[in-house]
C-alpha atoms as a PDB file:
ATOM      1  CA  ALA A   1       0.117   0.059  -0.184  1.00  0.00           C
ATOM      2  CA  LEU A   2       3.069   2.288   0.871  1.00  0.00           C
ATOM      3  CA  PRO A   3       3.907   2.513  -2.902  1.00  0.00           C
ATOM      4  CA  SER A   4       0.563   3.304  -4.659  1.00  0.00           C
ATOM      5  CA  ALA A   5       0.302   6.047  -1.432  1.00  0.00           C
ATOM      6  CA  LYS A   6       3.675   7.499  -2.578  1.00  0.00           C
ATOM      7  CA  MET A   7       2.571   7.818  -6.149  1.00  0.00           C
ATOM      8  CA  GLY A   8      -0.916   8.915  -5.278  1.00  0.00           C
ATOM      9  CA  CYS A   9       1.176  11.789  -3.270  1.00  0.00           C
ATOM     10  CA  PHE A  10       3.017  12.475  -6.094  1.00  0.00           C
ATOM     11  CA  THR A  11       0.328  12.518  -8.940  1.00  0.00           C
ATOM     12  CA  PHE A  12      -1.735  14.711  -6.584  1.00  0.00           C
ATOM     13  CA  ILE A  13       1.357  17.352  -5.952  1.00  0.00           C
ATOM     14  CA  LYS A  14       2.106  16.611 -10.016  1.00  0.00           C
ATOM     15  CA  VAL A  15      -1.509  17.891 -10.856  1.00  0.00           C
ATOM     16  CA  MET A  16      -1.566  20.865  -8.572  1.00  0.00           C
ATOM     17  CA  MET A  17       1.904  21.941 -10.262  1.00  0.00           C
ATOM     18  CA  VAL A  18       0.152  21.581 -13.243  1.00  0.00           C
ATOM     19  CA  LEU A  19      -2.689  23.511 -12.614  1.00  0.00           C
ATOM     20  CA  PHE A  20      -0.951  26.117 -10.591  1.00  0.00           C
ATOM     21  CA  ASN A  21       1.324  26.971 -13.642  1.00  0.00           C
ATOM     22  CA  LEU A  22      -1.470  27.039 -16.049  1.00  0.00           C
ATOM     23  CA  ALA A  23      -2.535  29.503 -13.908  1.00  0.00           C
ATOM     24  CA  ILE A  24       0.237  31.756 -14.019  1.00  0.00           C
ATOM     25  CA  PHE A  25       0.836  30.847 -17.679  1.00  0.00           C
ATOM     26  CA  LEU A  26      -2.935  32.625 -18.434  1.00  0.00           C
ATOM     27  CA  GLY A  27      -1.981  35.093 -15.955  1.00  0.00           C
ATOM     28  CA  GLY A  28       1.149  36.072 -17.937  1.00  0.00           C
ATOM     29  CA  GLY A  29      -0.847  35.695 -21.418  1.00  0.00           C
ATOM     30  CA  THR A  30      -3.442  38.145 -20.581  1.00  0.00           C
ATOM     31  CA  LEU A  31      -0.734  40.472 -19.003  1.00  0.00           C
ATOM     32  CA  LEU A  32       1.156  40.365 -22.097  1.00  0.00           C
ATOM     33  CA  GLY A  33      -1.763  40.656 -24.637  1.00  0.00           C
ATOM     34  CA  VAL A  34      -2.635  43.652 -22.616  1.00  0.00           C
ATOM     35  CA  GLY A  35       0.747  45.169 -22.958  1.00  0.00           C
ATOM     36  CA  ILE A  36       0.636  44.439 -26.297  1.00  0.00           C
ATOM     37  CA  TRP A  37      -2.813  45.647 -26.982  1.00  0.00           C
ATOM     38  CA  VAL A  38      -1.698  49.056 -24.978  1.00  0.00           C
ATOM     39  CA  THR A  39       1.312  49.224 -26.982  1.00  0.00           C
ATOM     40  CA  VAL A  40       0.106  49.024 -30.662  1.00  0.00           C
ATOM     41  CA  ASP A  41      -3.519  50.983 -29.409  1.00  0.00           C
ATOM     42  CA  GLY A  42      -3.411  52.550 -26.859  1.00  0.00           C
ATOM     43  CA  GLN A  43      -5.997  54.771 -27.878  1.00  0.00           C
ATOM     44  CA  SER A  44      -8.774  52.366 -27.778  1.00  0.00           C
ATOM     45  CA  PHE A  45      -7.550  50.930 -24.062  1.00  0.00           C
ATOM     46  CA  LEU A  46      -7.969  54.716 -22.691  1.00  0.00           C
ATOM     47  CA  ASP A  47     -11.339  54.840 -24.780  1.00  0.00           C
ATOM     48  CA  ILE A  48     -12.745  51.311 -23.040  1.00  0.00           C
ATOM     49  CA  PHE A  49     -11.193  51.972 -19.361  1.00  0.00           C
ATOM     50  CA  GLY A  50     -11.605  56.000 -19.340  1.00  0.00           C
ATOM     51  CA  THR A  51      -9.534  58.804 -18.195  1.00  0.00           C
ATOM     52  CA  LEU A  52      -8.118  56.596 -14.588  1.00  0.00           C
ATOM     53  CA  SER A  53      -6.397  54.513 -16.819  1.00  0.00           C
ATOM     54  CA  SER A  54      -4.508  57.565 -18.970  1.00  0.00           C
ATOM     55  CA  SER A  55      -3.183  59.247 -15.863  1.00  0.00           C
ATOM     56  CA  VAL A  56      -2.043  55.815 -14.602  1.00  0.00           C
ATOM     57  CA  LEU A  57      -0.533  54.877 -18.258  1.00  0.00           C
ATOM     58  CA  GLN A  58       1.435  58.823 -18.205  1.00  0.00           C
ATOM     59  CA  VAL A  59       3.175  58.027 -14.867  1.00  0.00           C
ATOM     60  CA  VAL A  60       4.545  54.804 -15.920  1.00  0.00           C
ATOM     61  CA  ASN A  61       4.904  53.517 -18.925  1.00  0.00           C
ATOM     62  CA  VAL A  62       2.906  50.400 -18.342  1.00  0.00           C
ATOM     63  CA  SER A  63       2.648  48.623 -21.219  1.00  0.00           C
ATOM     64  CA  TYR A  64       6.039  47.829 -21.690  1.00  0.00           C
ATOM     65  CA  PHE A  65       6.143  46.913 -17.653  1.00  0.00           C
ATOM     66  CA  LEU A  66       3.039  44.651 -18.469  1.00  0.00           C
ATOM     67  CA  ILE A  67       4.805  42.751 -21.742  1.00  0.00           C
ATOM     68  CA  VAL A  68       8.103  41.861 -19.483  1.00  0.00           C
ATOM     69  CA  ILE A  69       6.071  40.532 -16.476  1.00  0.00           C
ATOM     70  CA  GLY A  70       3.851  38.662 -19.032  1.00  0.00           C
ATOM     71  CA  SER A  71       6.858  37.320 -20.987  1.00  0.00           C
ATOM     72  CA  ILE A  72       7.991  36.160 -17.364  1.00  0.00           C
ATOM     73  CA  LEU A  73       5.129  34.459 -16.230  1.00  0.00           C
ATOM     74  CA  LEU A  74       4.621  32.928 -19.345  1.00  0.00           C
ATOM     75  CA  VAL A  75       8.176  31.425 -19.460  1.00  0.00           C
ATOM     76  CA  ILE A  76       7.509  30.465 -15.786  1.00  0.00           C
ATOM     77  CA  GLY A  77       3.868  29.028 -16.489  1.00  0.00           C
ATOM     78  CA  PHE A  78       4.844  27.074 -19.839  1.00  0.00           C
ATOM     79  CA  LEU A  79       8.172  25.654 -17.762  1.00  0.00           C
ATOM     80  CA  GLY A  80       6.263  24.670 -14.929  1.00  0.00           C
ATOM     81  CA  CYS A  81       3.167  23.378 -16.474  1.00  0.00           C
ATOM     82  CA  TYR A  82       4.980  21.462 -19.402  1.00  0.00           C
ATOM     83  CA  GLY A  83       7.444  20.052 -17.312  1.00  0.00           C
ATOM     84  CA  ALA A  84       5.382  18.697 -14.427  1.00  0.00           C
ATOM     85  CA  GLN A  85       2.970  17.197 -17.363  1.00  0.00           C
ATOM     86  CA  LYS A  86       5.346  15.475 -18.930  1.00  0.00           C
ATOM     87  CA  GLU A  87       7.427  14.635 -16.275  1.00  0.00           C
ATOM     88  CA  SER A  88      10.540  16.359 -18.040  1.00  0.00           C
ATOM     89  CA  LYS A  89      13.379  16.795 -15.597  1.00  0.00           C
ATOM     90  CA  CYS A  90      14.865  19.082 -17.721  1.00  0.00           C
ATOM     91  CA  LEU A  91      12.364  21.951 -17.764  1.00  0.00           C
ATOM     92  CA  LEU A  92      11.484  21.023 -14.054  1.00  0.00           C
ATOM     93  CA  MET A  93      15.273  21.963 -13.328  1.00  0.00           C
ATOM     94  CA  MET A  94      14.835  25.311 -15.619  1.00  0.00           C
ATOM     95  CA  PHE A  95      11.655  26.031 -13.747  1.00  0.00           C
ATOM     96  CA  PHE A  96      13.490  25.838 -10.409  1.00  0.00           C
ATOM     97  CA  SER A  97      16.411  28.023 -12.154  1.00  0.00           C
ATOM     98  CA  VAL A  98      14.340  30.440 -13.101  1.00  0.00           C
ATOM     99  CA  VAL A  99      12.322  30.825 -10.168  1.00  0.00           C
ATOM    100  CA  LEU A 100      15.487  31.167  -8.175  1.00  0.00           C
ATOM    101  CA  ILE A 101      17.223  33.621 -10.073  1.00  0.00           C
ATOM    102  CA  ILE A 102      14.184  35.907  -9.762  1.00  0.00           C
ATOM    103  CA  PHE A 103      13.865  35.509  -6.069  1.00  0.00           C
ATOM    104  CA  ILE A 104      17.348  35.926  -5.471  1.00  0.00           C
ATOM    105  CA  ALA A 105      16.792  39.111  -7.438  1.00  0.00           C
ATOM    106  CA  GLU A 106      13.854  40.300  -5.220  1.00  0.00           C
ATOM    107  CA  ILE A 107      15.946  39.493  -2.204  1.00  0.00           C
ATOM    108  CA  ALA A 108      18.738  41.696  -3.623  1.00  0.00           C
ATOM    109  CA  ALA A 109      16.424  44.374  -4.760  1.00  0.00           C
ATOM    110  CA  ALA A 110      15.010  44.541  -1.557  1.00  0.00           C
ATOM    111  CA  VAL A 111      18.376  44.776   0.335  1.00  0.00           C
ATOM    112  CA  VAL A 112      19.328  47.348  -1.751  1.00  0.00           C
ATOM    113  CA  ALA A 113      16.097  49.530  -1.622  1.00  0.00           C
ATOM    114  CA  LEU A 114      16.289  48.763   2.317  1.00  0.00           C
ATOM    115  CA  VAL A 115      19.965  49.643   2.866  1.00  0.00           C
ATOM    116  CA  TYR A 116      20.826  52.267  -0.176  1.00  0.00           C
ATOM    117  CA  THR A 117      17.503  54.374  -0.145  1.00  0.00           C
ATOM    118  CA  GLY A 118      19.920  57.594   0.316  1.00  0.00           C
ATOM    119  CA  LEU A 119      22.409  56.289  -2.301  1.00  0.00           C
ATOM    120  CA  ALA A 120      19.179  55.959  -4.719  1.00  0.00           C
ATOM    121  CA  GLU A 121      18.184  59.391  -3.412  1.00  0.00           C
ATOM    122  CA  THR A 122      21.485  60.892  -4.746  1.00  0.00           C
ATOM    123  CA  LEU A 123      21.406  58.970  -7.722  1.00  0.00           C
ATOM    124  CA  LEU A 124      18.466  60.148  -8.636  1.00  0.00           C
ATOM    125  CA  THR A 125      19.074  63.462  -8.004  1.00  0.00           C
ATOM    126  CA  ALA A 126      22.081  63.494 -10.020  1.00  0.00           C
ATOM    127  CA  ALA A 127      20.108  62.048 -12.870  1.00  0.00           C
ATOM    128  CA  VAL A 128      16.711  63.554 -12.304  1.00  0.00           C
ATOM    129  CA  THR A 129      17.017  66.852 -11.586  1.00  0.00           C
ATOM    130  CA  PRO A 130      19.340  67.938 -14.578  1.00  0.00           C
ATOM    131  CA  LEU A 131      16.688  66.397 -16.879  1.00  0.00           C
ATOM    132  CA  LEU A 132      14.129  68.432 -15.278  1.00  0.00           C
ATOM    133  CA  LYS A 133      15.980  71.797 -15.443  1.00  0.00           C
ATOM    134  CA  GLU A 134      17.049  71.094 -19.176  1.00  0.00           C
ATOM    135  CA  LYS A 135      13.625  69.627 -20.360  1.00  0.00           C
ATOM    136  CA  TYR A 136      10.864  70.499 -18.291  1.00  0.00           C
ATOM    137  CA  GLY A 137       8.544  72.726 -20.535  1.00  0.00           C
ATOM    138  CA  ALA A 138      10.122  71.706 -23.339  1.00  0.00           C
ATOM    139  CA  ASP A 139       9.711  68.488 -23.575  1.00  0.00           C
ATOM    140  CA  GLU A 140       5.795  67.654 -23.683  1.00  0.00           C
ATOM    141  CA  SER A 141       5.849  63.780 -22.610  1.00  0.00           C
ATOM    142  CA  LEU A 142       8.365  64.602 -19.741  1.00  0.00           C
ATOM    143  CA  THR A 143       6.084  67.492 -18.594  1.00  0.00           C
ATOM    144  CA  GLN A 144       3.122  65.841 -18.649  1.00  0.00           C
ATOM    145  CA  ILE A 145       4.032  63.084 -17.255  1.00  0.00           C
ATOM    146  CA  TRP A 146       5.765  64.790 -14.261  1.00  0.00           C
ATOM    147  CA  ASN A 147       2.623  67.361 -14.292  1.00  0.00           C
ATOM    148  CA  VAL A 148       0.126  63.821 -13.521  1.00  0.00           C
ATOM    149  CA  THR A 149       2.719  62.613 -10.793  1.00  0.00           C
ATOM    150  CA  MET A 150       3.132  65.761  -8.998  1.00  0.00           C
ATOM    151  CA  ARG A 151      -1.001  65.981  -8.948  1.00  0.00           C
ATOM    152  CA  GLU A 152      -1.437  62.262  -7.837  1.00  0.00           C
ATOM    153  CA  VAL A 153       1.136  61.595  -5.626  1.00  0.00           C
ATOM    154  CA  HIS A 154       1.144  65.745  -4.045  1.00  0.00           C
ATOM    155  CA  CYS A 155       4.320  66.538  -4.400  1.00  0.00           C
ATOM    156  CA  CYS A 156       6.633  68.951  -6.684  1.00  0.00           C
ATOM    157  CA  GLY A 157       9.858  67.803  -8.243  1.00  0.00           C
ATOM    158  CA  LEU A 158      11.785  65.150  -7.023  1.00  0.00           C
ATOM    159  CA  ASN A 159      13.472  66.797  -3.868  1.00  0.00           C
ATOM    160  CA  ASN A 160      11.244  70.172  -3.919  1.00  0.00           C
ATOM    161  CA  TYR A 161      10.662  73.253  -6.094  1.00  0.00           C
ATOM    162  CA  THR A 162      14.336  74.339  -6.493  1.00  0.00           C
ATOM    163  CA  ASP A 163      14.255  71.254  -9.076  1.00  0.00           C
ATOM    164  CA  PHE A 164      12.426  73.635 -11.466  1.00  0.00           C
ATOM    165  CA  THR A 165      14.588  76.438 -11.130  1.00  0.00           C
ATOM    166  CA  GLY A 166      15.947  77.577 -14.727  1.00  0.00           C
ATOM    167  CA  SER A 167      14.294  75.038 -16.386  1.00  0.00           C
ATOM    168  CA  PRO A 168      12.261  75.939 -19.730  1.00  0.00           C
ATOM    169  CA  TRP A 169       8.817  76.378 -18.013  1.00  0.00           C
ATOM    170  CA  TYR A 170      10.419  78.403 -15.187  1.00  0.00           C
ATOM    171  CA  ASN A 171      12.494  80.952 -17.454  1.00  0.00           C
ATOM    172  CA  LYS A 172       8.753  81.409 -19.958  1.00  0.00           C
ATOM    173  CA  GLU A 173       6.369  81.443 -17.338  1.00  0.00           C
ATOM    174  CA  LYS A 174       8.822  82.957 -14.317  1.00  0.00           C
ATOM    175  CA  THR A 175       6.491  80.488 -12.114  1.00  0.00           C
ATOM    176  CA  TYR A 176       6.793  77.022 -10.787  1.00  0.00           C
ATOM    177  CA  PRO A 177       4.348  74.172 -11.421  1.00  0.00           C
ATOM    178  CA  GLU A 178       1.409  74.611  -9.791  1.00  0.00           C
ATOM    179  CA  PRO A 179       1.667  71.606  -7.365  1.00  0.00           C
ATOM    180  CA  CYS A 180       4.328  73.131  -6.026  1.00  0.00           C
ATOM    181  CA  CYS A 181       2.037  75.870  -4.544  1.00  0.00           C
ATOM    182  CA  LYS A 182      -0.696  73.356  -3.866  1.00  0.00           C
ATOM    183  CA  ASP A 183      -2.161  75.016  -6.882  1.00  0.00           C
ATOM    184  CA  GLN A 184      -2.391  78.264  -5.429  1.00  0.00           C
ATOM    185  CA  GLN A 185      -1.488  80.967  -8.052  1.00  0.00           C
ATOM    186  CA  PRO A 186       1.115  82.820  -9.255  1.00  0.00           C
ATOM    187  CA  CYS A 187       3.313  79.876  -7.823  1.00  0.00           C
ATOM    188  CA  ASN A 188       6.643  82.076  -7.298  1.00  0.00           C
ATOM    189  CA  ASP A 189       9.648  81.811  -5.061  1.00  0.00           C
ATOM    190  CA  THR A 190       7.783  82.948  -2.024  1.00  0.00           C
ATOM    191  CA  LEU A 191       4.793  80.785  -2.383  1.00  0.00           C
ATOM    192  CA  ALA A 192       6.486  77.630  -3.328  1.00  0.00           C
ATOM    193  CA  ALA A 193       8.488  77.940  -0.369  1.00  0.00           C
ATOM    194  CA  GLU A 194       5.826  78.727   2.122  1.00  0.00           C
ATOM    195  CA  SER A 195       3.763  76.013   0.716  1.00  0.00           C
ATOM    196  CA  ASP A 196       6.504  73.597   1.416  1.00  0.00           C
ATOM    197  CA  VAL A 197       5.425  71.031  -0.778  1.00  0.00           C
ATOM    198  CA  PRO A 198       7.525  67.797  -0.375  1.00  0.00           C
ATOM    199  CA  GLY A 199       9.612  66.398  -3.015  1.00  0.00           C
ATOM    200  CA  CYS A 200       8.114  63.070  -4.854  1.00  0.00           C
ATOM    201  CA  PHE A 201      11.040  60.761  -3.937  1.00  0.00           C
ATOM    202  CA  TYR A 202      10.397  61.539  -0.212  1.00  0.00           C
ATOM    203  CA  GLN A 203       6.177  61.472  -0.813  1.00  0.00           C
ATOM    204  CA  ILE A 204       6.748  58.021  -2.361  1.00  0.00           C
ATOM    205  CA  LEU A 205       8.917  56.632   0.238  1.00  0.00           C
ATOM    206  CA  GLU A 206       6.381  58.016   2.861  1.00  0.00           C
ATOM    207  CA  GLU A 207       3.567  56.036   1.037  1.00  0.00           C
ATOM    208  CA  ILE A 208       5.909  53.272   1.093  1.00  0.00           C
ATOM    209  CA  LYS A 209       6.477  53.320   4.783  1.00  0.00           C
ATOM    210  CA  THR A 210       2.476  53.940   5.310  1.00  0.00           C
ATOM    211  CA  ASN A 211       1.347  50.898   3.430  1.00  0.00           C
ATOM    212  CA  ALA A 212       4.513  48.677   4.651  1.00  0.00           C
ATOM    213  CA  GLY A 213       2.460  46.532   6.159  1.00  0.00           C
ATOM    214  CA  VAL A 214       0.569  45.606   2.804  1.00  0.00           C
ATOM    215  CA  VAL A 215       4.007  46.345   0.434  1.00  0.00           C
ATOM    216  CA  GLY A 216       5.442  43.584   3.226  1.00  0.00           C
ATOM    217  CA  GLY A 217       2.315  41.073   3.302  1.00  0.00           C
ATOM    218  CA  VAL A 218       2.530  41.433  -0.895  1.00  0.00           C
ATOM    219  CA  ALA A 219       6.144  40.556  -0.898  1.00  0.00           C
ATOM    220  CA  ALA A 220       6.300  37.598   1.732  1.00  0.00           C
ATOM    221  CA  GLY A 221       3.148  36.131  -0.182  1.00  0.00           C
ATOM    222  CA  ILE A 222       5.336  36.053  -3.339  1.00  0.00           C
ATOM    223  CA  ALA A 223       8.015  35.021  -1.853  1.00  0.00           C
ATOM    224  CA  ALA A 224       6.579  32.098   0.044  1.00  0.00           C
ATOM    225  CA  LEU A 225       4.872  31.213  -3.404  1.00  0.00           C
ATOM    226  CA  GLU A 226       8.073  31.051  -5.207  1.00  0.00           C
ATOM    227  CA  ILE A 227       9.826  29.281  -2.224  1.00  0.00           C
ATOM    228  CA  ALA A 228       6.906  26.537  -2.383  1.00  0.00           C
ATOM    229  CA  SER A 229       7.071  26.288  -6.370  1.00  0.00           C
ATOM    230  CA  MET A 230      10.706  25.261  -5.995  1.00  0.00           C
ATOM    231  CA  ALA A 231      10.250  23.240  -3.185  1.00  0.00           C
ATOM    232  CA  VAL A 232       7.389  21.368  -5.161  1.00  0.00           C
ATOM    233  CA  SER A 233       9.726  21.216  -8.703  1.00  0.00           C
ATOM    234  CA  MET A 234      12.456  19.811  -6.797  1.00  0.00           C
ATOM    235  CA  TYR A 235      10.127  17.085  -4.953  1.00  0.00           C
ATOM    236  CA  LEU A 236       8.713  16.083  -8.350  1.00  0.00           C
ATOM    237  CA  TYR A 237      12.599  16.148 -10.087  1.00  0.00           C
ATOM    238  CA  CYS A 238      13.678  13.924  -7.202  1.00  0.00           C
ATOM    239  CA  LYS A 239      10.664  11.683  -7.371  1.00  0.00           C
ATOM    240  CA  LEU A 240      11.602  11.109 -11.160  1.00  0.00           C
ATOM    241  CA  ASP A 241      14.690   9.471  -9.943  1.00  0.00           C
ATOM    242  CA  GLU A 242      13.107   6.913  -8.332  1.00  0.00           C
ATOM    243  CA  LYS A 243      10.552   5.870 -10.952  1.00  0.00           C
END
């Protein structure tokens, strides 16, 4: 009875692995499809999902993000699902390796984010501030992205209103963007200084800290799923040796 019980356990885990990865595969395919749709025909996407999505799309170029995530999920889902179904040691090992690489990358990113927040701010300041001074008001898409970001996040510039000093916008209008003065006008040096609107980097950090529980919970959930899927794939891999 023992071997059959073992086989029953193996079969159950195999079926779970197939179903779980099939769901990942389908989810990845959906994300990839939406990403391609937004890239190819963003306007029809906006027509269907309205202005909310347009502001989101302007803040982050979400289509490419969806394509990347969707592609990764497709690969993982395929390797796990097909590897388990066909009992292919090669595919199972590839699945394990891909998930392990992603897991390590996530841990590394989390450590870097936690330890080097100050460094990230310095690097961002060095990269973004000159960009704002050079292109805000001249580059329409960059200006639009920053306007939407500042309104949505209730922030001003990367660090503060002085990021816009000397920008094409400032040189032309002699004022700062309205969000820097809480939408009061004219948004001059005095009003911007009095308004003391925080920079977007600080504000986003605060948002993350405020929602640390949610962020941590989601991260822990994803990590647990990855560890579980690696354990299951390794279990199936080892059991195939015994068959």
